[in-house]
Amino acid sequence: MPDFATRQLPQAPDVLAPDGSEVRVLLAGRHGSMAHFRLRAGQVARAVRHRTVEEIWYVLSGHGEMWRSFAGRDETTALAAGLCLTIPAGTAFQFRASDNERLDAIAVTMPPWPGEDEAEICPGPWPPNLGP
């Protein structure tokens, strides 16, 4: 019999993503997981590439930009509430919040996030101001 899982969005982050953004873990199932990501105003995440997972992001609030790059194709997308985008496996990506408001998004990861070795830091278009 399937499990019925329920979780309220945590006030505090559960972890920091490999890119340095705040992560509030929501739920996971056999085929995917969901998390909430936050950058404070003016924050720029580190660029990363996921080895095996793909993601679908949905922007809840704020403004910013998302850069994605794969096989010589580079694209920068303006982020605003209501926008949904994909990050295919193997795609390098980086995101940043506008200078005057935080950026909140949720993302579905398929398959579920496998662990710390999934993301590798890579070069991106903007100097990051998060992480070590």
N, C-alpha and C. Protein backbone atom coordinates (compact mmCIF):
# COMPACT_ATOMS: atom_id res chain seq x y z
N MET A 1 0.84 -1.18 0.00
CA MET A 1 0.00 0.00 0.00
C MET A 1 0.89 1.24 0.00
N PRO A 2 0.56 2.28 -0.80
CA PRO A 2 1.41 3.48 -0.86
C PRO A 2 1.37 4.27 0.44
N ASP A 3 2.43 5.00 0.65
CA ASP A 3 2.54 5.91 1.78
C ASP A 3 1.95 7.26 1.39
N PHE A 4 1.21 7.90 2.28
CA PHE A 4 0.74 9.27 2.06
C PHE A 4 1.64 10.18 2.86
N ALA A 5 2.47 10.98 2.18
CA ALA A 5 3.40 11.87 2.86
C ALA A 5 2.87 13.29 2.83
N THR A 6 3.13 14.02 3.91
CA THR A 6 2.70 15.42 4.03
C THR A 6 3.79 16.19 4.75
N ARG A 7 4.10 17.39 4.28
CA ARG A 7 5.10 18.21 4.95
C ARG A 7 4.83 19.67 4.69
N GLN A 8 4.87 20.47 5.71
CA GLN A 8 4.76 21.91 5.62
C GLN A 8 6.12 22.49 5.24
N LEU A 9 6.16 23.56 4.46
CA LEU A 9 7.42 24.21 4.11
C LEU A 9 8.14 24.64 5.39
N PRO A 10 9.36 24.16 5.63
CA PRO A 10 10.09 24.55 6.84
C PRO A 10 10.47 26.03 6.83
N GLN A 11 10.50 26.64 7.99
CA GLN A 11 10.91 28.04 8.11
C GLN A 11 12.39 28.20 7.79
N ALA A 12 13.20 27.30 8.32
CA ALA A 12 14.65 27.37 8.14
C ALA A 12 15.09 26.38 7.07
N PRO A 13 16.18 26.67 6.37
CA PRO A 13 16.68 25.72 5.37
C PRO A 13 17.10 24.41 6.03
N ASP A 14 16.89 23.31 5.32
CA ASP A 14 17.37 22.01 5.77
C ASP A 14 18.86 21.85 5.48
N VAL A 15 19.27 22.35 4.32
CA VAL A 15 20.66 22.24 3.86
C VAL A 15 20.95 23.39 2.91
N LEU A 16 22.22 23.52 2.54
CA LEU A 16 22.61 24.39 1.44
C LEU A 16 22.89 23.49 0.24
N ALA A 17 22.38 23.89 -0.91
CA ALA A 17 22.64 23.14 -2.14
C ALA A 17 24.11 23.26 -2.51
N PRO A 18 24.61 22.37 -3.37
CA PRO A 18 25.99 22.50 -3.83
C PRO A 18 26.28 23.87 -4.46
N ASP A 19 25.24 24.53 -4.99
CA ASP A 19 25.44 25.87 -5.58
C ASP A 19 25.42 26.97 -4.53
N GLY A 20 25.09 26.63 -3.27
CA GLY A 20 25.07 27.60 -2.19
C GLY A 20 23.69 28.13 -1.83
N SER A 21 22.67 27.82 -2.61
CA SER A 21 21.32 28.30 -2.32
C SER A 21 20.73 27.55 -1.12
N GLU A 22 19.77 28.21 -0.44
CA GLU A 22 19.07 27.58 0.67
C GLU A 22 18.09 26.55 0.12
N VAL A 23 18.06 25.36 0.75
CA VAL A 23 17.15 24.30 0.33
C VAL A 23 16.26 23.90 1.50
N ARG A 24 14.98 23.89 1.23
CA ARG A 24 14.00 23.35 2.17
C ARG A 24 13.43 22.10 1.50
N VAL A 25 13.80 20.95 2.03
CA VAL A 25 13.37 19.69 1.44
C VAL A 25 11.88 19.53 1.67
N LEU A 26 11.16 19.16 0.63
CA LEU A 26 9.72 18.94 0.74
C LEU A 26 9.47 17.44 0.84
N LEU A 27 9.20 16.77 -0.27
CA LEU A 27 8.92 15.34 -0.21
C LEU A 27 9.65 14.60 -1.33
N ALA A 28 9.76 13.28 -1.16
CA ALA A 28 10.36 12.43 -2.19
C ALA A 28 9.53 11.16 -2.34
N GLY A 29 9.47 10.69 -3.56
CA GLY A 29 8.83 9.42 -3.87
C GLY A 29 9.82 8.56 -4.64
N ARG A 30 9.35 7.45 -5.16
CA ARG A 30 10.23 6.53 -5.88
C ARG A 30 10.79 7.15 -7.15
N HIS A 31 10.03 8.04 -7.80
CA HIS A 31 10.43 8.55 -9.11
C HIS A 31 10.89 10.00 -9.13
N GLY A 32 10.75 10.70 -8.01
CA GLY A 32 11.16 12.09 -7.99
C GLY A 32 11.13 12.67 -6.59
N SER A 33 11.69 13.86 -6.46
CA SER A 33 11.67 14.58 -5.18
C SER A 33 11.39 16.05 -5.46
N MET A 34 10.97 16.77 -4.42
CA MET A 34 10.65 18.19 -4.57
C MET A 34 11.29 18.96 -3.43
N ALA A 35 11.82 20.13 -3.79
CA ALA A 35 12.45 20.99 -2.79
C ALA A 35 12.16 22.45 -3.12
N HIS A 36 12.32 23.29 -2.12
CA HIS A 36 12.14 24.74 -2.24
C HIS A 36 13.54 25.35 -2.21
N PHE A 37 13.82 26.25 -3.14
CA PHE A 37 15.13 26.91 -3.22
C PHE A 37 14.96 28.40 -3.01
N ARG A 38 15.91 29.00 -2.30
CA ARG A 38 15.85 30.45 -2.04
C ARG A 38 17.22 31.08 -2.19
N LEU A 39 17.24 32.22 -2.89
CA LEU A 39 18.39 33.12 -2.89
C LEU A 39 17.91 34.43 -2.28
N ARG A 40 18.70 34.99 -1.40
CA ARG A 40 18.39 36.31 -0.85
C ARG A 40 18.69 37.36 -1.92
N ALA A 41 18.17 38.55 -1.74
CA ALA A 41 18.38 39.65 -2.70
C ALA A 41 19.88 39.81 -2.98
N GLY A 42 20.23 39.87 -4.25
CA GLY A 42 21.61 40.08 -4.66
C GLY A 42 22.51 38.86 -4.64
N GLN A 43 22.00 37.72 -4.21
CA GLN A 43 22.84 36.52 -4.17
C GLN A 43 22.97 35.88 -5.55
N VAL A 44 24.16 35.35 -5.79
CA VAL A 44 24.47 34.64 -7.04
C VAL A 44 24.99 33.26 -6.67
N ALA A 45 24.29 32.23 -7.09
CA ALA A 45 24.69 30.85 -6.81
C ALA A 45 25.92 30.47 -7.63
N ARG A 46 26.60 29.43 -7.20
CA ARG A 46 27.69 28.87 -8.00
C ARG A 46 27.09 28.09 -9.17
N ALA A 47 27.76 28.06 -10.28
CA ALA A 47 27.32 27.27 -11.43
C ALA A 47 27.61 25.79 -11.14
N VAL A 48 26.64 24.94 -11.48
CA VAL A 48 26.79 23.50 -11.27
C VAL A 48 26.25 22.74 -12.48
N ARG A 49 26.60 21.47 -12.51
CA ARG A 49 26.07 20.55 -13.53
C ARG A 49 25.66 19.28 -12.78
N HIS A 50 24.43 18.83 -13.02
CA HIS A 50 23.97 17.57 -12.42
C HIS A 50 24.38 16.42 -13.32
N ARG A 51 24.90 15.39 -12.71
CA ARG A 51 25.41 14.24 -13.46
C ARG A 51 24.28 13.37 -14.03
N THR A 52 23.23 13.09 -13.23
CA THR A 52 22.23 12.10 -13.65
C THR A 52 20.78 12.54 -13.52
N VAL A 53 20.50 13.62 -12.81
CA VAL A 53 19.10 14.01 -12.60
C VAL A 53 18.70 15.16 -13.50
N GLU A 54 17.42 15.22 -13.80
CA GLU A 54 16.86 16.38 -14.48
C GLU A 54 15.93 17.07 -13.51
N GLU A 55 15.70 18.36 -13.73
CA GLU A 55 14.84 19.12 -12.84
C GLU A 55 13.84 19.95 -13.63
N ILE A 56 12.71 20.20 -12.99
CA ILE A 56 11.73 21.16 -13.47
C ILE A 56 11.55 22.18 -12.35
N TRP A 57 11.80 23.45 -12.67
CA TRP A 57 11.70 24.54 -11.69
C TRP A 57 10.46 25.38 -11.95
N TYR A 58 9.88 25.88 -10.86
CA TYR A 58 8.75 26.80 -10.93
C TYR A 58 9.04 27.96 -9.98
N VAL A 59 9.05 29.18 -10.50
CA VAL A 59 9.37 30.35 -9.69
C VAL A 59 8.11 30.80 -8.94
N LEU A 60 8.24 30.87 -7.62
CA LEU A 60 7.12 31.28 -6.76
C LEU A 60 7.05 32.79 -6.60
N SER A 61 8.22 33.41 -6.37
CA SER A 61 8.24 34.86 -6.14
C SER A 61 9.63 35.41 -6.41
N GLY A 62 9.67 36.72 -6.63
CA GLY A 62 10.94 37.39 -6.87
C GLY A 62 11.28 37.45 -8.34
N HIS A 63 12.48 38.00 -8.58
CA HIS A 63 13.00 38.13 -9.94
C HIS A 63 14.48 37.75 -9.93
N GLY A 64 14.96 37.33 -11.07
CA GLY A 64 16.36 36.99 -11.21
C GLY A 64 16.62 36.48 -12.61
N GLU A 65 17.68 35.68 -12.73
CA GLU A 65 18.04 35.10 -14.02
C GLU A 65 18.55 33.68 -13.81
N MET A 66 18.32 32.85 -14.83
CA MET A 66 18.84 31.48 -14.86
C MET A 66 19.61 31.30 -16.16
N TRP A 67 20.88 30.88 -16.04
CA TRP A 67 21.69 30.55 -17.21
C TRP A 67 21.74 29.04 -17.32
N ARG A 68 21.55 28.53 -18.54
CA ARG A 68 21.66 27.10 -18.82
C ARG A 68 22.55 26.89 -20.04
N SER A 69 23.37 25.83 -19.98
CA SER A 69 24.30 25.56 -21.08
C SER A 69 24.45 24.06 -21.27
N PHE A 70 24.33 23.63 -22.52
CA PHE A 70 24.51 22.21 -22.84
C PHE A 70 24.97 22.08 -24.28
N ALA A 71 26.06 21.35 -24.50
CA ALA A 71 26.55 21.04 -25.85
C ALA A 71 26.66 22.27 -26.75
N GLY A 72 27.22 23.36 -26.21
CA GLY A 72 27.44 24.56 -27.00
C GLY A 72 26.25 25.50 -27.09
N ARG A 73 25.12 25.12 -26.52
CA ARG A 73 23.95 26.00 -26.51
C ARG A 73 23.86 26.68 -25.15
N ASP A 74 23.88 28.01 -25.14
CA ASP A 74 23.78 28.81 -23.92
C ASP A 74 22.51 29.64 -23.98
N GLU A 75 21.83 29.73 -22.85
CA GLU A 75 20.60 30.51 -22.79
C GLU A 75 20.46 31.13 -21.40
N THR A 76 20.10 32.39 -21.34
CA THR A 76 19.82 33.07 -20.07
C THR A 76 18.35 33.47 -20.10
N THR A 77 17.63 33.09 -19.05
CA THR A 77 16.19 33.32 -18.96
C THR A 77 15.89 34.22 -17.77
N ALA A 78 15.08 35.23 -17.98
CA ALA A 78 14.61 36.08 -16.88
C ALA A 78 13.65 35.28 -16.02
N LEU A 79 13.86 35.32 -14.71
CA LEU A 79 13.01 34.59 -13.77
C LEU A 79 12.02 35.54 -13.11
N ALA A 80 10.77 35.12 -13.05
CA ALA A 80 9.72 35.88 -12.39
C ALA A 80 8.65 34.89 -11.96
N ALA A 81 7.83 35.27 -10.99
CA ALA A 81 6.77 34.41 -10.49
C ALA A 81 5.92 33.88 -11.64
N GLY A 82 5.65 32.58 -11.61
CA GLY A 82 4.82 31.95 -12.63
C GLY A 82 5.60 31.28 -13.74
N LEU A 83 6.92 31.50 -13.81
CA LEU A 83 7.74 30.91 -14.87
C LEU A 83 8.14 29.48 -14.49
N CYS A 84 8.07 28.58 -15.44
CA CYS A 84 8.48 27.19 -15.25
C CYS A 84 9.54 26.87 -16.30
N LEU A 85 10.60 26.15 -15.91
CA LEU A 85 11.66 25.79 -16.86
C LEU A 85 12.27 24.45 -16.51
N THR A 86 12.94 23.86 -17.49
CA THR A 86 13.58 22.57 -17.27
C THR A 86 15.10 22.72 -17.25
N ILE A 87 15.73 21.80 -16.52
CA ILE A 87 17.18 21.67 -16.50
C ILE A 87 17.48 20.20 -16.79
N PRO A 88 17.72 19.85 -18.07
CA PRO A 88 18.01 18.46 -18.41
C PRO A 88 19.30 17.97 -17.76
N ALA A 89 19.39 16.68 -17.52
CA ALA A 89 20.60 16.08 -16.96
C ALA A 89 21.81 16.47 -17.80
N GLY A 90 22.91 16.79 -17.16
CA GLY A 90 24.14 17.17 -17.85
C GLY A 90 24.23 18.64 -18.21
N THR A 91 23.19 19.41 -17.94
CA THR A 91 23.17 20.84 -18.25
C THR A 91 23.86 21.63 -17.16
N ALA A 92 24.78 22.51 -17.53
CA ALA A 92 25.37 23.45 -16.59
C ALA A 92 24.35 24.56 -16.37
N PHE A 93 24.21 25.00 -15.11
CA PHE A 93 23.27 26.10 -14.86
C PHE A 93 23.73 26.92 -13.66
N GLN A 94 23.27 28.15 -13.65
CA GLN A 94 23.56 29.10 -12.57
C GLN A 94 22.38 30.05 -12.47
N PHE A 95 22.02 30.44 -11.24
CA PHE A 95 20.94 31.40 -11.10
C PHE A 95 21.31 32.48 -10.10
N ARG A 96 20.62 33.60 -10.25
CA ARG A 96 20.88 34.73 -9.37
C ARG A 96 19.59 35.50 -9.12
N ALA A 97 19.54 36.13 -7.95
CA ALA A 97 18.38 36.94 -7.56
C ALA A 97 18.64 38.40 -7.91
N SER A 98 17.58 39.14 -8.13
CA SER A 98 17.72 40.58 -8.38
C SER A 98 18.28 41.24 -7.12
N ASP A 99 18.77 42.45 -7.29
CA ASP A 99 19.39 43.16 -6.17
C ASP A 99 18.40 43.61 -5.10
N ASN A 100 17.10 43.66 -5.41
CA ASN A 100 16.17 44.24 -4.46
C ASN A 100 15.12 43.29 -3.88
N GLU A 101 15.15 42.00 -4.24
CA GLU A 101 14.20 41.06 -3.64
C GLU A 101 14.73 39.63 -3.72
N ARG A 102 14.29 38.82 -2.77
CA ARG A 102 14.72 37.43 -2.79
C ARG A 102 13.98 36.67 -3.88
N LEU A 103 14.55 35.53 -4.24
CA LEU A 103 14.00 34.67 -5.27
C LEU A 103 13.63 33.33 -4.64
N ASP A 104 12.39 32.90 -4.79
CA ASP A 104 11.91 31.62 -4.27
C ASP A 104 11.40 30.76 -5.41
N ALA A 105 11.80 29.49 -5.43
CA ALA A 105 11.35 28.56 -6.46
C ALA A 105 11.21 27.18 -5.85
N ILE A 106 10.39 26.36 -6.48
CA ILE A 106 10.34 24.95 -6.14
C ILE A 106 10.84 24.18 -7.35
N ALA A 107 11.41 23.01 -7.07
CA ALA A 107 11.93 22.19 -8.15
C ALA A 107 11.62 20.72 -7.89
N VAL A 108 11.28 20.03 -8.96
CA VAL A 108 11.10 18.59 -8.93
C VAL A 108 12.35 17.98 -9.55
N THR A 109 12.93 17.02 -8.87
CA THR A 109 14.13 16.33 -9.33
C THR A 109 13.76 14.90 -9.67
N MET A 110 14.15 14.47 -10.90
CA MET A 110 13.83 13.12 -11.35
C MET A 110 15.09 12.46 -11.88
N PRO A 111 15.47 11.30 -11.39
CA PRO A 111 14.94 10.62 -10.20
C PRO A 111 15.22 11.44 -8.95
N PRO A 112 14.83 10.95 -7.76
CA PRO A 112 15.09 11.70 -6.54
C PRO A 112 16.58 12.02 -6.39
N TRP A 113 16.88 13.11 -5.69
CA TRP A 113 18.26 13.55 -5.47
C TRP A 113 19.07 12.41 -4.87
N PRO A 114 20.16 11.97 -5.56
CA PRO A 114 20.91 10.80 -5.10
C PRO A 114 21.95 11.08 -4.02
N GLY A 115 22.38 12.31 -3.84
CA GLY A 115 23.36 12.61 -2.80
C GLY A 115 24.38 13.63 -3.24
N GLU A 116 25.35 13.86 -2.36
CA GLU A 116 26.33 14.94 -2.52
C GLU A 116 27.13 14.89 -3.81
N ASP A 117 27.40 13.71 -4.34
CA ASP A 117 28.24 13.60 -5.53
C ASP A 117 27.51 13.91 -6.83
N GLU A 118 26.21 14.21 -6.75
CA GLU A 118 25.42 14.44 -7.96
C GLU A 118 25.81 15.72 -8.70
N ALA A 119 26.10 16.77 -7.97
CA ALA A 119 26.40 18.07 -8.60
C ALA A 119 27.90 18.31 -8.64
N GLU A 120 28.35 18.83 -9.78
CA GLU A 120 29.75 19.24 -9.89
C GLU A 120 29.80 20.73 -10.20
N ILE A 121 30.70 21.43 -9.54
CA ILE A 121 30.88 22.86 -9.79
C ILE A 121 31.49 23.02 -11.17
N CYS A 122 31.03 24.03 -11.89
CA CYS A 122 31.54 24.28 -13.24
C CYS A 122 31.60 25.78 -13.48
N PRO A 123 32.24 26.22 -14.54
CA PRO A 123 32.28 27.66 -14.85
C PRO A 123 30.90 28.18 -15.24
N GLY A 124 30.62 29.39 -14.84
CA GLY A 124 29.35 30.04 -15.20
C GLY A 124 29.59 31.47 -15.64
N PRO A 125 28.54 32.18 -16.02
CA PRO A 125 28.71 33.52 -16.55
C PRO A 125 28.90 34.61 -15.50
N TRP A 126 28.50 34.35 -14.23
CA TRP A 126 28.56 35.39 -13.21
C TRP A 126 29.44 34.96 -12.05
N PRO A 127 30.17 35.89 -11.44
CA PRO A 127 30.95 35.55 -10.24
C PRO A 127 29.99 35.21 -9.09
N PRO A 128 30.07 34.00 -8.51
CA PRO A 128 29.19 33.65 -7.41
C PRO A 128 29.57 34.39 -6.13
N ASN A 129 28.59 34.62 -5.26
CA ASN A 129 28.89 35.21 -3.97
C ASN A 129 28.34 34.35 -2.82
N LEU A 130 28.18 33.04 -3.09
CA LEU A 130 27.76 32.06 -2.10
C LEU A 130 28.76 30.91 -2.06
N GLY A 131 28.80 30.23 -0.94
CA GLY A 131 29.62 29.03 -0.83
C GLY A 131 31.05 29.34 -0.49
N PRO A 132 31.84 28.25 -0.40
CA PRO A 132 33.26 28.40 0.00
C PRO A 132 34.11 29.08 -1.05
